[in-house]
């Protein structure tokens, strides 16, 4: 079977009985024009390994290969989809490899095995039930610059808005800070619920992230995560109260970071949270 002989995705779903399952967080994209637009967001992928989580029947997978991705490594835990993806691999001369398993449990470095001249880009219509967990995993790597060069990911609209949110907005929180501390994040495309089969109850959006130098690479990730967690546990409280859960005097910490005691977490910039984490580390060692 060649690329031109691949059947339409609706036929694939019917012939392999691939009705979307809630237990897998599945919502399939069948519009090839739409998936090809998504595949173009990261730019030239001809010398790249593209990692896709949850390809399902292969709608986005086909688009990535048609748009010239060097090779695609997919991870799929739904056994029903494997034969359909095997046909895609055959049609595109083996440029698609499929690993059957749980994306949360694999060693991605071992799976992807990129050559020195290949960049790694993650492009995925993430299953709703694991999307945020995977994003946090990719954002909280111990070493930075990361092994990936860009993330192009589908999320529910409200999650996407939290990732790109600015201080002073109700969406701003832990996810915003983890994403923006050492990467740039933008909404690259909005996708209505009607574009999916079956349509979810909410709209979606594509987030595009590229790694940058951290605002301060001397701080420990766990310190930033702890300070942010405590600050947002009770986001409407003043920081002098919400930071009491730390092992240092919150008033001394805020004075050292030059942040008002009466400030609230949702109004503190990413740069100031980084400063808070650095001051926390300094106070903790005294």
Protein backbone atom coordinates (compact mmCIF):
# COMPACT_ATOMS: atom_id res chain seq x y z
CA UNK A 1 0.00 0.00 0.00
CA UNK A 2 1.27 3.47 -0.92
CA UNK A 3 0.49 6.87 0.58
CA UNK A 4 -2.13 7.57 -2.10
CA UNK A 5 -3.81 4.22 -1.46
CA UNK A 6 -4.41 4.80 2.25
CA UNK A 7 -8.16 4.77 2.94
CA UNK A 8 -9.90 7.79 4.50
CA UNK A 9 -9.66 7.87 8.28
CA UNK A 10 -13.38 7.28 8.76
CA UNK A 11 -13.03 4.03 6.83
CA UNK A 12 -10.02 3.08 8.97
CA UNK A 13 -12.01 3.69 12.15
CA UNK A 14 -14.88 1.55 10.89
CA UNK A 15 -12.79 -1.29 9.51
CA UNK A 16 -10.63 -1.61 12.64
CA UNK A 17 -13.52 -0.76 15.01
CA UNK A 18 -11.63 2.17 16.53
CA UNK A 19 -14.43 4.03 18.23
CA UNK A 20 -12.86 6.50 20.66
CA UNK A 21 -12.72 5.36 24.28
CA UNK A 22 -13.03 7.69 27.26
CA UNK A 23 -10.67 5.44 29.24
CA UNK A 24 -7.88 6.40 26.80
CA UNK A 25 -8.85 10.08 26.71
CA UNK A 26 -9.38 9.75 22.96
CA UNK A 27 -10.84 12.34 20.60
CA UNK A 28 -9.76 11.81 17.00
CA UNK A 29 -8.92 14.49 14.42
CA UNK A 30 -9.98 13.32 10.96
CA UNK A 31 -9.71 16.53 8.90
CA UNK A 32 -6.43 16.19 6.99
CA UNK A 33 -6.34 19.91 6.14
CA UNK A 34 -6.47 20.68 9.87
CA UNK A 35 -3.87 18.11 10.88
CA UNK A 36 -1.51 19.32 8.14
CA UNK A 37 -1.80 22.87 9.52
CA UNK A 38 -0.81 21.51 12.93
CA UNK A 39 2.09 19.56 11.42
CA UNK A 40 3.49 22.78 9.90
CA UNK A 41 3.61 24.69 13.21
CA UNK A 42 7.09 23.49 14.33
CA UNK A 43 8.64 24.37 10.97
CA UNK A 44 10.96 22.18 8.89
CA UNK A 45 10.97 18.63 10.30
CA UNK A 46 12.80 16.96 7.42
CA UNK A 47 15.87 16.28 9.58
CA UNK A 48 13.94 15.59 12.77
CA UNK A 49 12.59 12.77 14.84
CA UNK A 50 9.01 13.64 15.69
CA UNK A 51 7.63 12.06 18.85
CA UNK A 52 3.86 11.61 18.91
CA UNK A 53 1.93 10.35 21.92
CA UNK A 54 -1.47 8.77 21.32
CA UNK A 55 -1.69 8.76 17.51
CA UNK A 56 -4.94 6.76 17.51
CA UNK A 57 -5.89 5.88 13.93
CA UNK A 58 -3.08 8.10 12.62
CA UNK A 59 -4.66 11.37 11.46
CA UNK A 60 -1.91 13.68 12.74
CA UNK A 61 0.66 10.96 12.04
CA UNK A 62 -0.22 10.97 8.33
CA UNK A 63 -0.06 14.76 8.25
CA UNK A 64 3.43 14.83 9.83
CA UNK A 65 4.71 12.32 7.27
CA UNK A 66 3.02 14.11 4.37
CA UNK A 67 4.59 17.40 5.51
CA UNK A 68 8.03 15.82 5.29
CA UNK A 69 8.96 14.74 8.83
CA UNK A 70 12.19 12.75 8.64
CA UNK A 71 10.74 10.02 10.82
CA UNK A 72 7.97 9.72 13.36
CA UNK A 73 8.16 7.70 16.57
CA UNK A 74 4.70 7.14 18.03
CA UNK A 75 3.70 5.77 21.41
CA UNK A 76 0.26 4.16 21.56
CA UNK A 77 -1.28 2.10 24.37
CA UNK A 78 -4.52 1.20 22.57
CA UNK A 79 -3.86 -2.23 21.00
CA UNK A 80 -6.73 -1.68 18.53
CA UNK A 81 -4.79 1.11 16.78
CA UNK A 82 -1.57 -0.82 16.12
CA UNK A 83 -2.67 -2.58 12.87
CA UNK A 84 -3.98 0.71 11.42
CA UNK A 85 -0.70 2.46 12.24
CA UNK A 86 1.23 -0.42 10.67
CA UNK A 87 -0.51 0.35 7.36
CA UNK A 88 0.55 4.01 7.67
CA UNK A 89 4.15 2.94 8.31
CA UNK A 90 4.12 0.72 5.23
CA UNK A 91 2.62 3.48 3.06
CA UNK A 92 5.38 5.89 4.10
CA UNK A 93 8.33 3.52 3.59
CA UNK A 94 8.84 2.74 7.26
CA UNK A 95 9.35 6.36 8.37
CA UNK A 96 6.86 5.64 11.16
CA UNK A 97 7.77 3.42 14.11
CA UNK A 98 5.19 2.57 16.77
CA UNK A 99 5.86 1.60 20.37
CA UNK A 100 2.94 -0.04 22.14
CA UNK A 101 2.86 1.08 25.76
CA UNK A 102 2.22 3.83 28.32
CA UNK A 103 3.94 7.15 27.54
CA UNK A 104 4.16 7.91 31.26
CA UNK A 105 6.29 4.82 31.89
CA UNK A 106 8.82 4.79 29.06
CA UNK A 107 12.40 6.00 28.79
CA UNK A 108 12.00 8.49 25.94
CA UNK A 109 15.74 8.79 25.31
CA UNK A 110 16.03 5.06 24.77
CA UNK A 111 12.90 4.96 22.61
CA UNK A 112 13.76 7.86 20.30
CA UNK A 113 17.48 7.23 19.75
CA UNK A 114 18.03 10.38 17.70
CA UNK A 115 21.17 10.63 15.61
CA UNK A 116 23.55 13.56 16.24
CA UNK A 117 22.19 15.47 13.24
CA UNK A 118 18.53 14.91 14.16
CA UNK A 119 16.54 17.29 16.33
CA UNK A 120 13.66 15.94 18.40
CA UNK A 121 10.29 17.66 18.22
CA UNK A 122 7.22 16.52 20.14
CA UNK A 123 3.98 16.97 18.19
CA UNK A 124 0.85 15.43 19.63
CA UNK A 125 -2.88 15.61 20.06
CA UNK A 126 -2.36 14.53 23.67
CA UNK A 127 -4.92 12.26 25.32
CA UNK A 128 -6.86 14.53 27.68
CA UNK A 129 -6.31 12.29 30.70
CA UNK A 130 -2.48 12.46 30.63
CA UNK A 131 -1.73 15.68 28.73
CA UNK A 132 -0.86 17.91 31.69
CA UNK A 133 1.21 15.19 33.38
CA UNK A 134 3.29 14.73 30.24
CA UNK A 135 3.79 18.47 29.79
CA UNK A 136 5.01 18.86 33.39
CA UNK A 137 7.35 15.91 32.87
CA UNK A 138 8.87 17.58 29.79
CA UNK A 139 9.14 20.97 31.53
CA UNK A 140 10.75 19.70 34.74
CA UNK A 141 13.77 17.88 33.38
CA UNK A 142 16.73 18.11 35.75
CA UNK A 143 19.11 19.23 33.02
CA UNK A 144 18.41 22.12 30.66
CA UNK A 145 18.67 22.64 27.62
CA UNK A 146 16.21 19.73 27.18
CA UNK A 147 16.46 16.81 24.76
CA UNK A 148 13.51 18.22 22.77
CA UNK A 149 13.68 21.27 20.51
CA UNK A 150 10.00 22.18 20.52
CA UNK A 151 6.62 21.06 21.83
CA UNK A 152 3.50 21.37 19.68
CA UNK A 153 0.67 20.03 21.80
CA UNK A 154 -3.12 19.95 21.82
CA UNK A 155 -4.84 20.76 25.11
CA UNK A 156 -8.28 21.65 26.30
CA UNK A 157 -8.67 25.42 25.80
CA UNK A 158 -8.67 26.19 29.53
CA UNK A 159 -5.39 24.27 30.07
CA UNK A 160 -3.77 26.02 27.08
CA UNK A 161 -4.76 29.39 28.53
CA UNK A 162 -3.20 28.48 31.88
CA UNK A 163 0.10 27.61 30.17
CA UNK A 164 0.43 31.02 28.46
CA UNK A 165 -1.28 33.11 31.18
CA UNK A 166 0.24 36.39 32.35
CA UNK A 167 0.34 37.62 35.98
CA UNK A 168 -2.83 39.33 37.12
CA UNK A 169 -5.16 36.92 35.32
CA UNK A 170 -7.29 34.19 36.87
CA UNK A 171 -5.62 31.58 34.64
CA UNK A 172 -2.11 32.40 35.92
CA UNK A 173 -0.66 29.75 38.21
CA UNK A 174 1.78 26.88 38.67
CA UNK A 175 1.55 25.67 35.06
CA UNK A 176 2.19 29.19 33.71
CA UNK A 177 5.35 29.56 35.79
CA UNK A 178 6.77 26.11 34.99
CA UNK A 179 6.23 26.77 31.28
CA UNK A 180 7.55 30.32 31.20
CA UNK A 181 10.58 29.99 33.51
CA UNK A 182 12.68 28.38 30.82
CA UNK A 183 10.64 28.35 27.62
CA UNK A 184 8.48 30.58 25.48
CA UNK A 185 4.86 29.49 25.16
CA UNK A 186 2.16 30.68 22.80
CA UNK A 187 -1.21 29.55 21.52
CA UNK A 188 -0.51 28.71 17.88
CA UNK A 189 -4.00 27.65 16.85
CA UNK A 190 -7.49 27.21 18.27
CA UNK A 191 -9.50 24.09 17.46
CA UNK A 192 -13.29 23.91 17.91
CA UNK A 193 -14.88 20.87 19.54
CA UNK A 194 -16.69 20.09 16.29
CA UNK A 195 -13.36 19.23 14.62
CA UNK A 196 -13.05 16.05 16.71
CA UNK A 197 -14.70 12.65 16.52
CA UNK A 198 -16.42 12.33 18.91
CA UNK A 199 -16.63 16.06 19.73
CA UNK A 200 -15.59 16.80 23.34
CA UNK A 201 -17.60 19.16 25.54
CA UNK A 202 -14.91 21.86 25.37
CA UNK A 203 -12.87 23.62 22.69
CA UNK A 204 -9.15 22.99 22.33
CA UNK A 205 -5.99 24.87 21.41
CA UNK A 206 -2.51 24.06 20.14
CA UNK A 207 0.36 25.26 22.32
CA UNK A 208 3.83 25.75 20.84
CA UNK A 209 6.76 25.86 23.28
CA UNK A 210 10.44 26.43 22.59
CA UNK A 211 13.13 26.12 25.27
CA UNK A 212 15.09 29.20 26.33
CA UNK A 213 17.79 29.93 28.85
CA UNK A 214 16.24 29.82 32.36
CA UNK A 215 15.61 33.21 33.98
CA UNK A 216 18.13 32.02 36.59
CA UNK A 217 19.76 28.63 36.08
CA UNK A 218 21.41 28.67 39.52
CA UNK A 219 18.20 27.84 41.39
CA UNK A 220 16.98 24.30 41.95
CA UNK A 221 13.78 23.30 40.22
CA UNK A 222 12.42 21.74 43.42
CA UNK A 223 12.82 25.08 45.24
CA UNK A 224 10.84 26.93 42.58
CA UNK A 225 8.15 24.25 42.56
CA UNK A 226 7.82 24.36 46.35
CA UNK A 227 7.58 28.15 46.57
CA UNK A 228 5.03 28.25 43.75
CA UNK A 229 2.99 25.41 45.26
CA UNK A 230 2.75 27.11 48.65
CA UNK A 231 1.96 30.50 47.13
CA UNK A 232 -0.93 29.17 45.02
CA UNK A 233 -2.44 26.76 47.55
CA UNK A 234 -4.49 29.72 48.76
CA UNK A 235 -4.07 32.09 45.84
CA UNK A 236 -6.32 34.83 47.27
CA UNK A 237 -4.33 35.10 50.50
CA UNK A 238 -1.46 37.54 50.93
CA UNK A 239 1.97 36.00 50.46
CA UNK A 240 2.93 36.59 54.11
CA UNK A 241 0.18 34.06 54.95
CA UNK A 242 0.36 31.63 52.04
CA UNK A 243 4.15 31.15 52.37
CA UNK A 244 3.94 30.13 56.04
CA UNK A 245 4.21 26.50 54.98
CA UNK A 246 7.86 27.00 54.01
CA UNK A 247 10.69 26.25 56.43
CA UNK A 248 11.74 29.93 56.55
CA UNK A 249 10.19 33.14 57.89
CA UNK A 250 7.90 34.36 55.07
CA UNK A 251 8.32 38.03 56.04
CA UNK A 252 12.10 37.74 55.92
CA UNK A 253 11.87 35.88 52.61
CA UNK A 254 9.63 38.51 51.01
CA UNK A 255 11.80 41.37 52.28
CA UNK A 256 14.90 39.69 50.85
CA UNK A 257 13.16 39.22 47.48
CA UNK A 258 11.88 42.83 47.55
CA UNK A 259 8.24 41.74 47.25
CA UNK A 260 5.44 43.32 49.29
CA UNK A 261 4.09 41.13 52.10
CA UNK A 262 0.55 42.02 51.05
CA UNK A 263 1.03 40.86 47.46
CA UNK A 264 -0.95 37.87 46.19
CA UNK A 265 0.46 34.97 44.18
CA UNK A 266 -1.54 35.71 41.04
CA UNK A 267 0.12 39.13 40.73
CA UNK A 268 3.74 37.97 41.14
CA UNK A 269 5.74 37.70 37.90
CA UNK A 270 7.64 34.59 36.84
CA UNK A 271 10.90 36.49 37.38
CA UNK A 272 9.87 37.37 40.94
CA UNK A 273 8.94 33.77 41.70
CA UNK A 274 12.41 32.79 40.51
CA UNK A 275 13.85 35.44 42.85
CA UNK A 276 11.73 34.08 45.71
CA UNK A 277 13.08 30.58 45.06
CA UNK A 278 16.66 31.85 45.10
CA UNK A 279 16.15 33.74 48.35
CA UNK A 280 14.44 30.69 49.84
CA UNK A 281 17.52 28.58 49.06
CA UNK A 282 19.79 31.17 50.66
CA UNK A 283 17.70 31.48 53.82
CA UNK A 284 17.31 27.71 54.14
CA UNK A 285 21.08 27.20 54.30
CA UNK A 286 21.59 29.73 57.12
